[in-house]
Amino acid sequence: MTSCNVFCDTSLSLSEHDCSFQEMFVSCRRPPFDAGFEGIGEVVGLGLGASSDYTIGDTVAYFRNGAFAEYTIAPAKECIRVPLVKPEFLTLLVSGATAYIALKRLGDLTKGETVLVTAAAGGTGQFAVQFAKQAGCHVIGTCSTNEKAGFLKSIGCDRPINYKEENLGETLRKEYPKGIDVVYESIGGSILDVAVNCLAQKGRLIVIGFISGYQSASGIPAFKGATLPVKLLDYGEAMGKMMRMLAKGELACEVDCGDMAEEGRFSGLESVFRAVDYMYAGKNLGKVVVEVAPAAQGNSKL
């Protein structure tokens, strides 16, 4: 297989959203299997076929099981060239692209409609809020802290709802009696029930994850559609558009590297488990990113 060796010298990512895709790719596997699904890093070695597209020192983002590694081998066709090793670009790879394509192709957004985004301050929710707002919609976003509510306001959310302090169902029924036109849902469980019950006539429900069930005893039923993300997501178009928006300052890409976590920044492979726990505890603001190889190790080669 044509491939390029990628040294992930800055970041690997996790988010409540990532699991929705990762589950579909690895749900049929039994442990042990390589963990991690997406990363960004510097090319330090090339296969013969890859040398026509890449050179040593190029920076690429990539999809690959086993991304929780300081070095990994990724097929060239699974890599996307990015300007530099920067965590913000990693947020676009799956989280941003999912929101962009889901709302563009499936949301069929119309100016003036009401859109509800659950886990709105998370890795993919932050993008759903911005894309819905750019489409001229009234955006509602759920979150779990007042800090996250403040962040949502800063990226254009019209009505942040801290569900720890407000009853989500009651608030939606009271303030939006005509219902919600589009729901972008990633939590599942009781939140999904509320979302369905609050849909307007001809409303659209987009489900992109079930984080509330990932740690349950039964988990999420297996989904026989491992190639579905590849078929649905046109990464080239989405990434190109989002990177241009980012360059123009039209898109915020919030990254959470664990600086406010109890044990500090997520640095080194040994911190991956902390990042996962941090994410499942709902403490993250934006996309969780792990620096697998600290800068001091950045000059090492294969």
Protein backbone atom coordinates (compact mmCIF):
# COMPACT_ATOMS: atom_id res chain seq x y z
CA MET A 1 0.00 0.00 0.00
CA THR A 2 1.31 3.43 -0.90
CA SER A 3 2.05 5.23 2.35
CA CYS A 4 3.87 8.01 4.10
CA ASN A 5 5.36 7.80 7.55
CA VAL A 6 3.92 10.49 9.77
CA PHE A 7 5.53 11.71 12.97
CA CYS A 8 2.78 13.20 15.14
CA ASP A 9 4.89 15.78 16.90
CA THR A 10 2.11 18.02 18.12
CA SER A 11 -1.35 16.63 18.49
CA LEU A 12 -3.90 13.88 18.42
CA SER A 13 -7.54 14.49 19.13
CA LEU A 14 -10.54 13.25 21.00
CA SER A 15 -14.03 14.63 21.21
CA GLU A 16 -17.49 13.51 22.12
CA HIS A 17 -18.20 13.56 18.39
CA ASP A 18 -15.18 11.52 17.28
CA CYS A 19 -16.52 8.44 18.92
CA SER A 20 -19.53 8.35 16.63
CA PHE A 21 -17.26 7.63 13.67
CA GLN A 22 -14.71 5.65 15.60
CA GLU A 23 -17.40 3.32 16.89
CA MET A 24 -18.50 2.57 13.34
CA PHE A 25 -14.95 1.81 12.24
CA VAL A 26 -13.92 -0.39 15.16
CA SER A 27 -17.16 -1.62 16.75
CA CYS A 28 -16.67 -4.98 15.05
CA ARG A 29 -13.22 -5.39 16.59
CA ARG A 30 -12.39 -7.02 19.88
CA PRO A 31 -9.55 -5.78 22.07
CA PRO A 32 -6.70 -5.41 21.63
CA PHE A 33 -6.80 -2.99 18.71
CA ASP A 34 -4.88 0.19 17.96
CA ALA A 35 -6.57 3.22 19.54
CA GLY A 36 -6.97 6.69 18.14
CA PHE A 37 -8.52 7.71 14.85
CA GLU A 38 -7.19 11.06 13.64
CA GLY A 39 -4.01 13.05 13.95
CA ILE A 40 -1.80 15.74 12.49
CA GLY A 41 1.94 15.62 12.08
CA GLU A 42 5.09 15.98 10.01
CA VAL A 43 6.07 13.57 7.23
CA VAL A 44 9.42 11.98 8.11
CA GLY A 45 9.50 9.14 5.60
CA LEU A 46 7.95 8.24 2.25
CA GLY A 47 7.04 5.14 0.33
CA LEU A 48 7.92 5.16 -3.36
CA GLY A 49 4.37 5.87 -4.50
CA ALA A 50 3.87 8.67 -1.98
CA SER A 51 6.96 10.60 -3.07
CA SER A 52 5.12 12.04 -6.06
CA ASP A 53 2.63 13.83 -3.78
CA TYR A 54 4.58 14.57 -0.59
CA THR A 55 8.06 15.50 0.56
CA ILE A 56 9.86 15.10 3.88
CA GLY A 57 8.78 17.89 6.21
CA ASP A 58 5.27 18.30 4.80
CA THR A 59 2.52 18.61 7.37
CA VAL A 60 -0.54 16.39 7.01
CA ALA A 61 -3.70 15.55 8.87
CA TYR A 62 -4.87 11.97 8.56
CA PHE A 63 -7.42 9.31 9.49
CA ARG A 64 -5.90 6.12 10.80
CA ASN A 65 -6.64 3.63 13.57
CA GLY A 66 -3.64 3.69 15.88
CA ALA A 67 -3.23 7.46 15.79
CA PHE A 68 -2.36 7.47 19.50
CA ALA A 69 1.33 7.11 18.64
CA GLU A 70 4.45 9.21 18.28
CA TYR A 71 5.05 7.67 14.85
CA THR A 72 2.55 6.05 12.55
CA ILE A 73 2.32 4.89 8.94
CA ALA A 74 -0.58 6.37 7.01
CA PRO A 75 -1.56 5.66 3.38
CA ALA A 76 -1.07 8.80 1.30
CA LYS A 77 -4.68 8.70 0.15
CA GLU A 78 -5.82 9.03 3.78
CA CYS A 79 -3.79 12.20 4.35
CA ILE A 80 -4.80 15.81 3.80
CA ARG A 81 -2.14 18.48 3.42
CA VAL A 82 -2.37 21.32 5.97
CA PRO A 83 -0.21 24.46 6.29
CA LEU A 84 1.40 23.59 9.63
CA VAL A 85 1.11 21.39 12.69
CA LYS A 86 -1.56 23.35 14.50
CA PRO A 87 -4.31 21.87 16.70
CA GLU A 88 -6.92 24.15 15.16
CA PHE A 89 -6.57 22.37 11.81
CA LEU A 90 -7.21 19.07 13.56
CA THR A 91 -10.60 20.30 14.75
CA LEU A 92 -11.72 20.59 11.13
CA LEU A 93 -10.78 17.08 10.07
CA VAL A 94 -13.78 15.17 11.43
CA SER A 95 -15.59 17.49 13.82
CA GLY A 96 -15.80 20.46 11.49
CA ALA A 97 -16.43 18.39 8.37
CA THR A 98 -19.26 16.48 10.03
CA ALA A 99 -21.08 19.66 11.03
CA TYR A 100 -20.43 21.34 7.69
CA ILE A 101 -21.72 18.48 5.56
CA ALA A 102 -24.53 17.38 7.87
CA LEU A 103 -26.07 20.84 7.96
CA LYS A 104 -25.34 21.66 4.33
CA ARG A 105 -26.65 18.42 2.84
CA LEU A 106 -29.10 17.12 5.40
CA GLY A 107 -30.14 20.16 7.42
CA ASP A 108 -31.44 22.03 4.37
CA LEU A 109 -31.25 25.19 6.45
CA THR A 110 -33.41 28.16 5.56
CA LYS A 111 -32.93 31.67 6.91
CA GLY A 112 -35.15 32.29 9.92
CA GLU A 113 -35.41 28.65 11.01
CA THR A 114 -34.68 27.51 14.56
CA VAL A 115 -31.79 25.09 15.08
CA LEU A 116 -30.97 23.19 18.27
CA VAL A 117 -27.40 21.95 18.76
CA THR A 118 -26.76 19.58 21.67
CA ALA A 119 -23.30 19.45 23.29
CA ALA A 120 -22.89 22.77 21.51
CA ALA A 121 -19.61 23.74 23.18
CA GLY A 122 -17.94 20.46 22.22
CA GLY A 123 -15.71 19.44 19.36
CA THR A 124 -18.37 19.29 16.64
CA GLY A 125 -21.12 21.32 18.31
CA GLN A 126 -19.07 24.52 18.12
CA PHE A 127 -19.04 24.24 14.32
CA ALA A 128 -22.72 23.35 14.03
CA VAL A 129 -23.56 26.53 15.95
CA GLN A 130 -21.45 28.69 13.65
CA PHE A 131 -22.63 27.14 10.39
CA ALA A 132 -26.29 27.38 11.42
CA LYS A 133 -25.81 31.00 12.42
CA GLN A 134 -24.09 31.79 9.12
CA ALA A 135 -27.16 30.34 7.37
CA GLY A 136 -29.29 32.98 9.09
CA CYS A 137 -30.90 30.69 11.63
CA HIS A 138 -31.83 31.24 15.27
CA VAL A 139 -29.49 28.90 17.18
CA ILE A 140 -30.08 27.21 20.53
CA GLY A 141 -27.16 25.39 22.14
CA THR A 142 -27.11 23.05 25.13
CA CYS A 143 -24.17 23.00 27.52
CA SER A 144 -23.34 22.07 31.11
CA THR A 145 -21.66 25.16 32.61
CA ASN A 146 -22.04 28.92 32.57
CA GLU A 147 -18.50 29.19 31.18
CA LYS A 148 -19.58 27.13 28.17
CA ALA A 149 -22.72 29.25 27.83
CA GLY A 150 -20.52 32.33 27.62
CA PHE A 151 -18.39 30.69 24.95
CA LEU A 152 -21.49 29.82 22.94
CA LYS A 153 -22.62 33.44 23.01
CA SER A 154 -19.20 34.48 21.74
CA ILE A 155 -19.59 32.33 18.60
CA GLY A 156 -23.11 33.51 17.84
CA CYS A 157 -25.44 31.18 19.74
CA ASP A 158 -28.71 33.05 20.36
CA ARG A 159 -29.93 30.97 23.29
CA PRO A 160 -27.44 28.90 25.30
CA ILE A 161 -29.19 26.54 27.70
CA ASN A 162 -27.23 25.23 30.68
CA TYR A 163 -29.17 22.02 31.29
CA LYS A 164 -27.65 21.73 34.77
CA GLU A 165 -29.56 24.87 35.77
CA GLU A 166 -32.55 24.81 33.41
CA ASN A 167 -34.91 22.00 32.45
CA LEU A 168 -34.23 21.58 28.75
CA GLY A 169 -37.63 20.20 27.77
CA GLU A 170 -39.59 22.77 29.71
CA THR A 171 -37.46 25.63 28.39
CA LEU A 172 -37.85 24.55 24.77
CA ARG A 173 -41.61 24.07 25.07
CA LYS A 174 -42.05 27.44 26.77
CA GLU A 175 -39.77 29.55 24.57
CA TYR A 176 -40.29 27.72 21.27
CA PRO A 177 -43.94 26.60 21.25
CA LYS A 178 -43.91 26.09 17.47
CA GLY A 179 -41.10 23.58 17.81
CA ILE A 180 -37.55 23.25 16.51
CA ASP A 181 -36.92 23.09 12.77
CA VAL A 182 -33.56 21.31 12.85
CA VAL A 183 -31.87 19.38 15.68
CA TYR A 184 -28.17 18.50 15.51
CA GLU A 185 -27.90 15.78 18.16
CA SER A 186 -24.84 13.99 19.55
CA ILE A 187 -25.78 12.89 23.08
CA GLY A 188 -28.58 10.35 22.80
CA GLY A 189 -30.59 9.00 25.72
CA SER A 190 -32.99 11.41 27.39
CA ILE A 191 -31.64 14.36 25.39
CA LEU A 192 -32.58 12.63 22.15
CA ASP A 193 -36.08 12.01 23.52
CA VAL A 194 -36.47 15.71 24.33
CA ALA A 195 -35.19 16.69 20.90
CA VAL A 196 -37.65 14.43 19.10
CA ASN A 197 -40.57 15.63 21.20
CA CYS A 198 -39.71 19.27 20.50
CA LEU A 199 -39.43 18.97 16.71
CA ALA A 200 -41.65 21.23 14.65
CA GLN A 201 -43.82 19.86 11.86
CA LYS A 202 -41.54 18.79 9.03
CA GLY A 203 -38.58 19.27 11.37
CA ARG A 204 -35.29 17.50 10.67
CA LEU A 205 -33.35 15.45 13.19
CA ILE A 206 -29.64 14.88 12.48
CA VAL A 207 -28.06 12.32 14.82
CA ILE A 208 -24.26 12.25 14.78
CA GLY A 209 -23.43 10.49 18.07
CA PHE A 210 -24.64 8.79 21.27
CA ILE A 211 -22.05 9.77 23.85
CA SER A 212 -24.44 9.09 26.72
CA GLY A 213 -24.38 5.39 25.85
CA TYR A 214 -20.69 4.81 25.16
CA GLN A 215 -19.91 3.89 28.75
CA SER A 216 -23.10 1.95 29.45
CA ALA A 217 -23.09 -1.78 30.14
CA SER A 218 -24.69 -2.62 26.83
CA GLY A 219 -23.06 0.14 24.78
CA ILE A 220 -24.43 1.09 21.38
CA PRO A 221 -25.79 -1.65 19.09
CA ALA A 222 -23.42 -2.50 16.25
CA PHE A 223 -24.02 -0.55 13.07
CA LYS A 224 -23.31 -2.44 9.85
CA GLY A 225 -22.20 0.48 7.78
CA ALA A 226 -18.47 0.97 8.27
CA THR A 227 -18.07 2.75 4.95
CA LEU A 228 -20.92 5.20 5.53
CA PRO A 229 -18.73 8.13 6.67
CA VAL A 230 -16.51 7.71 3.60
CA LYS A 231 -19.54 7.73 1.31
CA LEU A 232 -21.22 10.73 2.90
CA LEU A 233 -18.36 13.05 3.66
CA ASP A 234 -16.71 15.01 0.87
CA TYR A 235 -13.65 16.01 2.89
CA GLY A 236 -11.96 17.84 0.04
CA GLU A 237 -14.77 20.36 -0.41
CA ALA A 238 -15.48 20.71 3.30
CA MET A 239 -11.85 21.09 4.36
CA GLY A 240 -11.08 23.57 1.62
CA LYS A 241 -14.05 25.75 2.53
CA MET A 242 -13.38 25.62 6.27
CA MET A 243 -9.68 26.35 5.95
CA ARG A 244 -10.46 29.42 3.87
CA MET A 245 -12.98 30.53 6.48
CA LEU A 246 -10.42 29.98 9.25
CA ALA A 247 -7.79 31.99 7.37
CA LYS A 248 -10.25 34.89 7.00
CA GLY A 249 -11.19 34.81 10.68
CA GLU A 250 -14.73 33.69 9.85
CA LEU A 251 -14.55 30.45 11.84
CA ALA A 252 -13.61 29.84 15.48
CA CYS A 253 -11.88 26.52 16.24
CA GLU A 254 -11.81 26.04 20.02
CA VAL A 255 -9.18 23.57 21.24
CA ASP A 256 -8.94 22.13 24.76
CA CYS A 257 -5.42 20.87 25.50
CA GLY A 258 -6.19 20.25 29.17
CA ASP A 259 -4.50 23.36 30.52
CA MET A 260 -7.31 23.70 33.06
CA ALA A 261 -7.45 19.98 33.87
CA GLU A 262 -6.62 18.89 37.41
CA GLU A 263 -3.28 17.32 36.43
CA GLY A 264 -2.48 19.85 33.75
CA ARG A 265 -1.95 19.85 30.00
CA PHE A 266 -2.42 16.63 28.04
CA SER A 267 1.16 15.93 27.00
CA GLY A 268 2.66 12.54 26.13
CA LEU A 269 1.02 9.21 25.42
CA GLU A 270 0.59 8.60 29.14
CA SER A 271 -1.91 11.48 29.26
CA VAL A 272 -4.31 9.98 26.70
CA PHE A 273 -6.33 8.20 29.39
CA ARG A 274 -6.70 11.48 31.29
CA ALA A 275 -7.97 13.18 28.16
CA VAL A 276 -10.57 10.46 27.65
CA ASP A 277 -11.77 10.71 31.26
CA TYR A 278 -11.83 14.50 30.99
CA MET A 279 -13.96 14.29 27.85
CA TYR A 280 -16.43 11.78 29.29
CA ALA A 281 -16.79 13.92 32.40
CA GLY A 282 -18.00 16.73 30.14
CA LYS A 283 -15.26 19.11 31.24
CA ASN A 284 -13.95 20.02 27.81
CA LEU A 285 -14.61 23.28 26.01
CA GLY A 286 -14.12 22.61 22.32
CA LYS A 287 -12.16 19.68 20.90
CA VAL A 288 -9.86 17.76 23.22
CA VAL A 289 -6.31 17.53 21.86
CA VAL A 290 -3.35 15.51 23.17
CA GLU A 291 0.24 16.50 22.43
CA VAL A 292 1.69 13.00 22.07
CA ALA A 293 5.30 14.08 21.55
CA PRO A 294 6.39 17.18 23.50
CA ALA A 295 8.46 19.76 21.64
CA ALA A 296 11.68 18.56 23.25
CA GLN A 297 11.28 15.28 21.35
CA GLY A 298 10.30 16.96 18.11
CA ASN A 299 13.71 16.49 16.40
CA SER A 300 13.79 12.71 16.73
CA LYS A 301 13.68 10.71 13.50
CA LEU A 302 12.89 7.17 12.49
